[in-house]
Amino acid sequence: MSAYYEIAYAAASKRLCLFTGTGFSKAITNNAAPSWQELLEKLCDLTSDPASLKDALFPPGLPRVLGLEEAAQVIDLELRKVDKMIHNEIATIISRLTVSGDNEVVSQFLQNNHLEVVTTNYDKLLERLVGEQCHSLAPGVPVPRSDSQVKVHHVHGSVDSPLHMVVTSEDYFKFLHAESYFSRKLSTVLHENTVVILGYSLGDTNLKSILNEYRGFARSHAIASNLFLVSRSAVSQHVKDYYFHCYGVRVLDNTEVHGFFRSLNSMMPVVTPVISTSLANLQVILGRQGVYTPAYLRSSNSFYQIICSFSALGLPINHAAVVRSIGSLIQTKHDLTLENGAWDQYTQMANWLIYLGSILEIEGTAIQEIFLAAVHRSMSTMTSAQVYGYSWHAFAAWRDNWKTITYSNRLMIKRYVTQNFPLGDPLLVVNQ
């Protein structure tokens, strides 16, 4: 299933959060917004000895001696010598930024959907794209009591209250150790929503700390991965495995900000018509007042709608009712493969198992046994050659999508296949 289907489903069920960084502001300003280092270098120009300060903090051709928040602390000390404050100077520079270029695909999504935005940016450019149906929340600014379609949480402060902006290493230390509304908000939305990280790098120590905390929560509660990182550049499979293993993050690489919103907008009309029925049906099923019909489960999208509904309802995968439901779904799909001429069902079952293995670390959870039994059925009925009675399309699905399965699940499946299929095509898949 397309990741955009999941994200669109979260948006339609009002459980989507965008986590935006500097790259997002750059994208909607035609690259006019400065990077963090570019901003700090501009601030150096306001000190009494800009050249020597830049050479010390950002030596040409050499690695930086200090982290950027530490460099900001040094610059703040130098600015104070000339009666300036780093927070006020940053607010002045950032306030001059304006939205520019063709941002229609971005504003179209923001204006037509309910969502939360968590940002470490100080600017209010996103609010301008949304318009009136937006609340901007930041430390030092009164929290609106009324409801709004879009809420933007400036967890590091905004230009509306410069002295509350998190800029220097001292500011970061206070932010990480303070029990304020904004220090808690970032962690809370990770637990409650599907989160898409835009214009941000995982190289930031503070972000890693927050994501690592979430990862522990997700593992202990068997929550399917609900974090996506949008990367402009290509990301190797090794790095993707690392992101998922350490932080539960799935990477959408080779994707620009505008391309992301363009794909998401095209998926919304597919998801929106089914969202209310899908959620209502799931609640009936979980209450044991009905079952999904084979006719519905013959559809390739049915499984994805159901799994997305679990997330929309905030249910963990190891919840007893969820395990029972997934087991029933897989068993029904298994039975559908026994029908005459049901070749599409073989492929669909393979794709369902691959998808489940891509969003959840299955080993040690309550659905491990169900999952592996279905893997056995799928792989024992597939072939790499066109042999009558076996599905070569199911083999192609496993082969072509093997690397989308999480690293830990690939290891689990490989061990299982090696023990149960000493010869044959399943080994061709797991030994890629």
Protein backbone atom coordinates (compact mmCIF):
# COMPACT_ATOMS: atom_id res chain seq x y z
CA MET A 1 0.00 0.00 0.00
CA SER A 2 1.14 3.52 -0.73
CA ALA A 3 2.37 5.47 2.29
CA TYR A 4 0.26 8.32 0.96
CA TYR A 5 -2.87 6.22 1.52
CA GLU A 6 -1.97 5.91 5.20
CA ILE A 7 -1.17 9.60 5.56
CA ALA A 8 -4.33 10.63 3.71
CA TYR A 9 -6.39 8.29 5.93
CA ALA A 10 -4.87 9.92 9.02
CA ALA A 11 -5.72 13.36 7.62
CA ALA A 12 -9.30 12.35 6.84
CA SER A 13 -9.72 10.95 10.37
CA LYS A 14 -8.21 14.13 11.89
CA ARG A 15 -5.17 12.32 13.30
CA LEU A 16 -2.36 13.85 11.22
CA CYS A 17 0.46 15.99 12.51
CA LEU A 18 3.10 17.68 10.36
CA PHE A 19 6.47 18.19 12.03
CA THR A 20 8.17 21.00 10.10
CA GLY A 21 11.73 22.24 10.16
CA THR A 22 13.87 24.73 8.26
CA GLY A 23 13.62 22.81 4.99
CA PHE A 24 9.86 23.42 4.92
CA SER A 25 10.33 27.18 5.27
CA LYS A 26 12.96 27.10 2.53
CA ALA A 27 10.56 25.27 0.22
CA ILE A 28 7.73 27.82 0.58
CA THR A 29 10.03 30.86 0.28
CA ASN A 30 11.93 29.84 -2.85
CA ASN A 31 14.92 29.02 -0.63
CA ALA A 32 15.00 32.51 0.91
CA ALA A 33 14.65 31.21 4.48
CA PRO A 34 18.14 30.74 5.98
CA SER A 35 19.39 27.46 7.36
CA TRP A 36 20.31 27.44 11.05
CA GLN A 37 24.00 27.93 10.26
CA GLU A 38 23.28 30.63 7.67
CA LEU A 39 21.22 32.46 10.27
CA LEU A 40 24.03 32.27 12.83
CA GLU A 41 26.54 33.58 10.30
CA LYS A 42 24.26 36.57 9.65
CA LEU A 43 24.25 37.22 13.38
CA CYS A 44 28.05 37.16 13.48
CA ASP A 45 27.98 40.20 11.19
CA LEU A 46 26.30 42.17 13.99
CA THR A 47 29.17 41.62 16.45
CA SER A 48 32.30 43.76 16.90
CA ASP A 49 34.64 41.29 15.14
CA PRO A 50 32.62 39.22 12.63
CA ALA A 51 35.54 37.71 10.69
CA SER A 52 37.35 36.16 13.64
CA LEU A 53 34.10 34.93 15.19
CA LYS A 54 33.07 33.18 11.96
CA ASP A 55 36.52 31.61 11.59
CA ALA A 56 36.33 30.31 15.15
CA LEU A 57 32.80 28.92 14.93
CA PHE A 58 32.61 27.91 11.26
CA PRO A 59 36.19 27.32 10.07
CA PRO A 60 36.28 27.05 6.25
CA GLY A 61 36.95 23.50 5.07
CA LEU A 62 37.08 22.14 8.62
CA PRO A 63 34.48 20.54 10.92
CA ARG A 64 32.80 22.78 13.46
CA VAL A 65 34.24 22.73 16.95
CA LEU A 66 30.86 23.41 18.57
CA GLY A 67 27.30 22.35 17.89
CA LEU A 68 25.03 25.01 16.43
CA GLU A 69 23.18 25.67 19.68
CA GLU A 70 26.57 26.07 21.40
CA ALA A 71 27.70 28.40 18.62
CA ALA A 72 24.51 30.41 19.22
CA GLN A 73 25.46 30.70 22.89
CA VAL A 74 28.87 32.13 21.94
CA ILE A 75 27.29 34.57 19.49
CA ASP A 76 24.81 35.67 22.15
CA LEU A 77 27.69 36.53 24.48
CA GLU A 78 29.38 38.56 21.73
CA LEU A 79 26.16 40.38 20.84
CA ARG A 80 25.64 41.40 24.43
CA LYS A 81 28.94 43.25 24.27
CA VAL A 82 27.37 45.60 21.70
CA ASP A 83 24.04 45.87 23.55
CA LYS A 84 22.16 43.42 21.34
CA MET A 85 20.24 40.23 22.20
CA ILE A 86 20.37 37.21 19.93
CA HIS A 87 16.65 36.48 20.33
CA ASN A 88 15.59 39.95 19.20
CA GLU A 89 18.02 39.97 16.28
CA ILE A 90 16.78 36.57 15.08
CA ALA A 91 13.16 37.74 15.30
CA THR A 92 14.01 40.80 13.19
CA ILE A 93 15.65 38.69 10.46
CA ILE A 94 12.95 35.99 10.40
CA SER A 95 10.07 38.49 10.44
CA ARG A 96 11.21 39.81 7.07
CA LEU A 97 10.59 36.45 5.35
CA THR A 98 7.60 36.15 3.02
CA VAL A 99 5.91 33.24 1.28
CA SER A 100 6.93 33.16 -2.38
CA GLY A 101 6.70 30.91 -5.41
CA ASP A 102 3.88 28.54 -6.38
CA ASN A 103 2.65 27.02 -3.12
CA GLU A 104 -0.88 26.14 -4.27
CA VAL A 105 -0.52 22.39 -3.58
CA VAL A 106 0.64 23.14 -0.03
CA SER A 107 -2.05 25.68 0.78
CA GLN A 108 -4.72 23.46 -0.81
CA PHE A 109 -3.99 20.66 1.64
CA LEU A 110 -3.60 22.92 4.67
CA GLN A 111 -6.83 24.79 3.99
CA ASN A 112 -8.95 21.68 3.35
CA ASN A 113 -7.96 19.45 6.27
CA HIS A 114 -7.94 19.38 10.06
CA LEU A 115 -4.44 18.80 11.39
CA GLU A 116 -1.87 19.77 13.94
CA VAL A 117 1.52 21.18 13.06
CA VAL A 118 4.49 21.00 15.39
CA THR A 119 7.37 23.17 14.29
CA THR A 120 10.77 24.21 15.56
CA ASN A 121 10.68 27.16 13.15
CA TYR A 122 10.30 30.67 14.56
CA ASP A 123 8.55 32.03 11.45
CA LYS A 124 4.80 32.13 10.86
CA LEU A 125 4.89 31.36 7.15
CA LEU A 126 2.71 28.26 7.42
CA GLU A 127 0.01 30.28 9.17
CA ARG A 128 -0.09 32.59 6.16
CA LEU A 129 -0.71 29.63 3.85
CA VAL A 130 -3.60 28.43 6.02
CA GLY A 131 -5.35 31.75 6.53
CA GLU A 132 -8.07 32.46 9.10
CA GLN A 133 -8.76 28.85 10.13
CA CYS A 134 -5.48 28.63 12.03
CA HIS A 135 -4.31 29.10 15.61
CA SER A 136 -0.66 29.87 16.27
CA LEU A 137 0.56 28.71 19.68
CA ALA A 138 3.93 29.64 21.16
CA PRO A 139 5.53 30.17 24.58
CA GLY A 140 4.86 33.66 25.88
CA VAL A 141 1.70 34.04 23.80
CA PRO A 142 -1.82 33.44 25.23
CA VAL A 143 -3.27 30.04 24.27
CA PRO A 144 -6.51 30.48 22.25
CA ARG A 145 -9.59 28.94 23.87
CA SER A 146 -11.59 28.52 20.66
CA ASP A 147 -11.25 25.68 18.18
CA SER A 148 -9.56 25.92 14.79
CA GLN A 149 -9.01 23.77 11.72
CA VAL A 150 -5.22 23.93 11.97
CA LYS A 151 -3.14 24.39 15.11
CA VAL A 152 0.53 25.32 14.78
CA HIS A 153 2.60 24.60 17.88
CA HIS A 154 5.87 26.55 17.87
CA VAL A 155 7.64 24.39 20.45
CA HIS A 156 10.86 26.44 20.18
CA GLY A 157 8.98 29.75 20.26
CA SER A 158 8.05 32.20 17.55
CA VAL A 159 8.74 35.75 16.45
CA ASP A 160 5.63 36.80 18.41
CA SER A 161 7.60 36.47 21.65
CA PRO A 162 11.36 36.60 20.91
CA LEU A 163 12.54 36.21 24.50
CA HIS A 164 10.80 32.83 24.73
CA MET A 165 12.53 31.41 21.64
CA VAL A 166 14.79 28.39 22.16
CA VAL A 167 18.07 29.47 20.55
CA THR A 168 21.17 28.92 22.68
CA SER A 169 22.47 25.82 24.42
CA GLU A 170 21.19 27.27 27.68
CA ASP A 171 17.73 27.64 26.13
CA TYR A 172 17.79 24.04 24.86
CA PHE A 173 18.79 22.73 28.27
CA LYS A 174 15.88 24.54 29.91
CA PHE A 175 13.47 23.33 27.19
CA LEU A 176 14.44 19.68 27.57
CA HIS A 177 14.16 19.75 31.34
CA ALA A 178 11.09 21.97 31.74
CA GLU A 179 7.62 20.57 32.37
CA SER A 180 5.83 23.20 30.32
CA TYR A 181 2.89 22.87 27.94
CA PHE A 182 5.18 23.12 24.91
CA SER A 183 7.88 20.76 26.14
CA ARG A 184 5.22 18.07 26.67
CA LYS A 185 3.24 18.77 23.51
CA LEU A 186 5.89 17.45 21.16
CA SER A 187 5.97 14.05 22.86
CA THR A 188 2.18 13.88 23.14
CA VAL A 189 1.44 14.33 19.42
CA LEU A 190 3.87 11.56 18.52
CA HIS A 191 1.78 9.16 20.58
CA GLU A 192 -1.59 10.33 19.30
CA ASN A 193 -1.12 10.99 15.57
CA THR A 194 0.44 9.90 12.34
CA VAL A 195 3.42 12.26 12.06
CA VAL A 196 5.14 13.41 8.89
CA ILE A 197 8.53 15.08 9.36
CA LEU A 198 9.13 17.70 6.67
CA GLY A 199 12.26 19.78 6.17
CA TYR A 200 14.07 18.27 9.11
CA SER A 201 17.16 16.15 9.61
CA LEU A 202 17.48 13.33 12.10
CA GLY A 203 20.97 14.59 12.84
CA ASP A 204 19.59 16.89 15.53
CA THR A 205 20.33 15.54 19.02
CA ASN A 206 17.17 16.94 20.60
CA LEU A 207 14.92 15.43 17.94
CA LYS A 208 16.64 12.06 18.32
CA SER A 209 16.01 12.15 22.05
CA ILE A 210 12.29 12.81 21.56
CA LEU A 211 11.94 10.16 18.85
CA ASN A 212 13.83 7.61 20.92
CA GLU A 213 11.41 8.16 23.81
CA TYR A 214 8.53 7.55 21.42
CA ARG A 215 10.22 4.42 20.09
CA GLY A 216 10.30 2.86 23.53
CA PHE A 217 6.61 3.66 23.98
CA ALA A 218 5.72 2.20 20.56
CA ARG A 219 7.60 -1.04 21.20
CA SER A 220 6.09 -1.60 24.63
CA HIS A 221 2.57 -0.92 23.32
CA ALA A 222 3.02 -2.71 19.96
CA ILE A 223 1.98 0.41 18.05
CA ALA A 224 2.40 0.27 14.30
CA SER A 225 4.94 2.77 12.96
CA ASN A 226 3.22 6.10 12.43
CA LEU A 227 6.26 8.28 11.70
CA PHE A 228 7.36 9.28 8.21
CA LEU A 229 10.44 11.29 7.25
CA VAL A 230 10.29 13.05 3.89
CA SER A 231 13.78 13.37 2.40
CA ARG A 232 14.67 15.38 -0.70
CA SER A 233 17.59 13.12 -1.49
CA ALA A 234 17.92 9.36 -1.93
CA VAL A 235 18.43 7.34 1.26
CA SER A 236 20.15 3.95 1.19
CA GLN A 237 18.38 0.83 2.49
CA HIS A 238 20.99 0.57 5.26
CA VAL A 239 20.08 4.01 6.54
CA LYS A 240 16.34 3.34 6.18
CA ASP A 241 16.77 0.20 8.31
CA TYR A 242 18.62 2.29 10.90
CA TYR A 243 15.90 4.97 10.99
CA PHE A 244 13.16 2.38 11.53
CA HIS A 245 15.08 0.24 14.01
CA CYS A 246 16.12 3.15 16.24
CA TYR A 247 13.21 5.57 15.83
CA GLY A 248 10.33 3.76 14.12
CA VAL A 249 10.60 6.16 11.19
CA ARG A 250 9.70 5.18 7.63
CA VAL A 251 11.54 7.21 4.99
CA LEU A 252 9.98 8.67 1.84
CA ASP A 253 13.09 9.61 -0.12
CA ASN A 254 13.62 11.50 -3.38
CA THR A 255 10.62 13.63 -2.40
CA GLU A 256 10.44 17.43 -2.42
CA VAL A 257 8.00 19.24 -0.12
CA HIS A 258 5.73 20.29 -3.00
CA GLY A 259 5.86 16.80 -4.51
CA PHE A 260 4.78 15.35 -1.17
CA PHE A 261 1.70 17.58 -0.96
CA ARG A 262 0.87 17.00 -4.63
CA SER A 263 0.79 13.22 -4.07
CA LEU A 264 -1.16 13.62 -0.83
CA ASN A 265 -3.79 15.85 -2.44
CA SER A 266 -4.34 13.29 -5.20
CA MET A 267 -4.96 10.55 -2.59
CA MET A 268 -7.49 12.48 -0.47
CA PRO A 269 -10.46 11.91 -2.86
CA VAL A 270 -9.74 8.16 -2.73
CA VAL A 271 -9.73 7.97 1.07
CA THR A 272 -12.29 10.56 2.18
CA PRO A 273 -15.44 8.77 0.85
CA VAL A 274 -14.65 5.54 2.77
CA ILE A 275 -13.41 6.94 6.08
CA SER A 276 -16.69 7.18 8.01
CA THR A 277 -17.99 3.79 6.87
CA SER A 278 -14.64 2.15 7.52
CA LEU A 279 -14.42 3.43 11.10
CA ALA A 280 -18.05 2.57 11.84
CA ASN A 281 -17.65 -0.97 10.49
CA LEU A 282 -14.51 -1.55 12.54
CA GLN A 283 -16.25 -0.56 15.77
CA VAL A 284 -19.02 -3.07 15.00
CA ILE A 285 -16.45 -5.80 14.31
CA LEU A 286 -14.45 -5.09 17.47
CA GLY A 287 -17.66 -5.25 19.48
CA ARG A 288 -18.29 -8.77 18.11
CA GLN A 289 -21.53 -7.62 16.55
CA GLY A 290 -20.56 -8.50 13.00
CA VAL A 291 -17.83 -9.80 10.70
CA TYR A 292 -16.23 -8.59 7.50
CA THR A 293 -17.72 -10.36 4.53
CA PRO A 294 -15.55 -12.35 2.10
CA ALA A 295 -16.83 -10.08 -0.67
CA TYR A 296 -15.31 -7.04 1.10
CA LEU A 297 -12.06 -8.84 1.91
CA ARG A 298 -11.59 -9.82 -1.74
CA SER A 299 -10.81 -6.14 -2.32
CA SER A 300 -7.10 -5.35 -2.24
CA ASN A 301 -7.66 -2.13 -0.26
CA SER A 302 -9.84 -3.66 2.47
CA PHE A 303 -6.95 -4.74 4.71
CA TYR A 304 -5.25 -1.36 4.47
CA GLN A 305 -8.47 0.47 5.35
CA ILE A 306 -8.90 -1.76 8.41
CA ILE A 307 -5.31 -1.34 9.64
CA CYS A 308 -5.53 2.43 9.15
CA SER A 309 -8.78 2.38 11.13
CA PHE A 310 -7.02 0.73 14.07
CA SER A 311 -4.59 3.63 14.11
CA ALA A 312 -7.38 6.19 13.72
CA LEU A 313 -9.11 4.71 16.77
CA GLY A 314 -5.85 4.70 18.74
CA LEU A 315 -5.81 0.91 19.19
CA PRO A 316 -2.49 -0.95 19.65
CA ILE A 317 -1.86 -3.98 17.44
CA ASN A 318 -1.56 -6.30 20.46
CA HIS A 319 -5.02 -5.35 21.78
CA ALA A 320 -6.98 -8.62 22.17
CA ALA A 321 -9.77 -7.48 19.85
CA VAL A 322 -7.25 -6.28 17.26
CA VAL A 323 -5.31 -9.56 17.33
CA ARG A 324 -8.56 -11.48 16.95
CA SER A 325 -9.58 -9.28 14.05
CA ILE A 326 -6.23 -9.54 12.23
CA GLY A 327 -6.21 -13.31 12.72
CA SER A 328 -9.70 -13.52 11.25
CA LEU A 329 -8.74 -11.30 8.30
CA ILE A 330 -5.69 -13.39 7.45
CA GLN A 331 -7.63 -16.65 7.84
CA THR A 332 -10.37 -15.39 5.53
CA LYS A 333 -7.80 -14.31 2.96
CA HIS A 334 -6.21 -17.76 3.28
CA ASP A 335 -9.60 -19.38 2.59
CA LEU A 336 -10.15 -17.11 -0.41
CA THR A 337 -6.94 -18.46 -1.96
CA LEU A 338 -8.55 -21.94 -1.96
CA GLU A 339 -11.27 -20.89 -4.39
CA ASN A 340 -10.96 -21.84 -8.03
CA GLY A 341 -9.17 -19.25 -10.13
CA ALA A 342 -8.38 -17.02 -7.14
CA TRP A 343 -4.93 -16.03 -8.36
CA ASP A 344 -5.38 -12.38 -7.39
CA GLN A 345 -6.00 -13.52 -3.79
CA TYR A 346 -2.55 -15.15 -3.62
CA THR A 347 -0.95 -11.86 -4.59
CA GLN A 348 -3.14 -9.86 -2.24
CA MET A 349 -2.28 -12.10 0.70
CA ALA A 350 1.42 -11.69 -0.04
CA ASN A 351 0.99 -7.90 -0.20
CA TRP A 352 -1.01 -7.86 3.06
CA LEU A 353 1.74 -9.76 4.88
CA ILE A 354 4.48 -7.56 3.40
CA TYR A 355 2.62 -4.42 4.47
CA LEU A 356 2.08 -5.71 8.01
CA GLY A 357 5.77 -6.56 8.18
CA SER A 358 6.68 -3.04 7.07
CA ILE A 359 4.77 -1.16 9.81
CA LEU A 360 5.15 -3.29 12.91
CA GLU A 361 7.97 -5.21 14.58
CA ILE A 362 6.13 -8.50 14.87
CA GLU A 363 8.53 -10.78 16.73
CA GLY A 364 7.45 -11.21 20.33
CA THR A 365 3.95 -9.79 19.77
CA ALA A 366 0.68 -11.69 20.05
CA ILE A 367 0.28 -11.92 16.26
CA GLN A 368 3.67 -13.51 15.53
CA GLU A 369 2.29 -17.06 15.26
CA ILE A 370 -0.63 -15.98 13.06
CA PHE A 371 1.70 -13.99 10.84
CA LEU A 372 4.24 -16.77 10.32
CA ALA A 373 1.53 -19.34 9.58
CA ALA A 374 0.25 -17.03 6.84
CA VAL A 375 3.79 -16.54 5.53
CA HIS A 376 4.10 -20.33 5.28
CA ARG A 377 0.87 -20.54 3.28
CA SER A 378 1.90 -17.72 0.97
CA MET A 379 5.40 -18.94 0.29
CA SER A 380 4.40 -22.58 -0.16
CA THR A 381 2.03 -21.59 -2.97
CA MET A 382 4.30 -19.29 -4.96
CA THR A 383 6.92 -19.91 -7.62
CA SER A 384 9.48 -17.96 -9.60
CA ALA A 385 8.52 -19.85 -12.77
CA GLN A 386 5.13 -20.09 -14.43
CA VAL A 387 4.08 -23.39 -12.91
CA TYR A 388 0.37 -24.22 -12.95
CA GLY A 389 -1.21 -24.18 -9.49
CA TYR A 390 1.34 -21.73 -8.05
CA SER A 391 1.36 -17.93 -8.06
CA TRP A 392 4.28 -16.25 -9.78
CA HIS A 393 2.75 -12.83 -9.05
CA ALA A 394 2.90 -13.57 -5.31
CA PHE A 395 6.56 -14.50 -5.72
CA ALA A 396 7.19 -11.21 -7.54
CA ALA A 397 5.48 -9.32 -4.71
CA TRP A 398 7.73 -10.92 -2.08
CA ARG A 399 10.84 -10.51 -4.22
CA ASP A 400 10.25 -6.89 -5.24
CA ASN A 401 9.06 -5.64 -1.84
CA TRP A 402 11.30 -7.69 0.45
CA LYS A 403 13.38 -4.68 1.47
CA THR A 404 10.33 -2.66 2.49
CA ILE A 405 9.85 -5.10 5.38
CA THR A 406 11.60 -3.95 8.55
CA TYR A 407 15.05 -5.29 9.30
CA SER A 408 13.95 -7.27 12.38
CA ASN A 409 11.01 -8.81 10.51
CA ARG A 410 13.26 -9.79 7.60
CA LEU A 411 15.52 -11.62 10.06
CA MET A 412 12.53 -13.36 11.67
CA ILE A 413 11.06 -14.43 8.33
CA LYS A 414 14.45 -15.58 7.06
CA ARG A 415 14.96 -17.80 10.11
CA TYR A 416 11.48 -19.25 9.67
CA VAL A 417 11.91 -19.87 5.95
CA THR A 418 15.35 -21.44 6.38
CA GLN A 419 13.90 -23.89 8.93
CA ASN A 420 10.76 -24.73 6.95
CA PHE A 421 11.86 -24.45 3.31
CA PRO A 422 15.28 -26.09 2.94
CA LEU A 423 14.92 -25.78 -0.84
CA GLY A 424 12.82 -23.73 -3.22
CA ASP A 425 11.83 -20.22 -4.19
CA PRO A 426 11.23 -18.85 -0.66
CA LEU A 427 14.98 -19.02 -0.13
CA LEU A 428 15.50 -16.89 -3.24
CA VAL A 429 13.46 -14.15 -1.55
CA VAL A 430 15.02 -14.17 1.92
CA ASN A 431 18.61 -14.59 0.68
CA GLN A 432 18.55 -11.47 -1.52
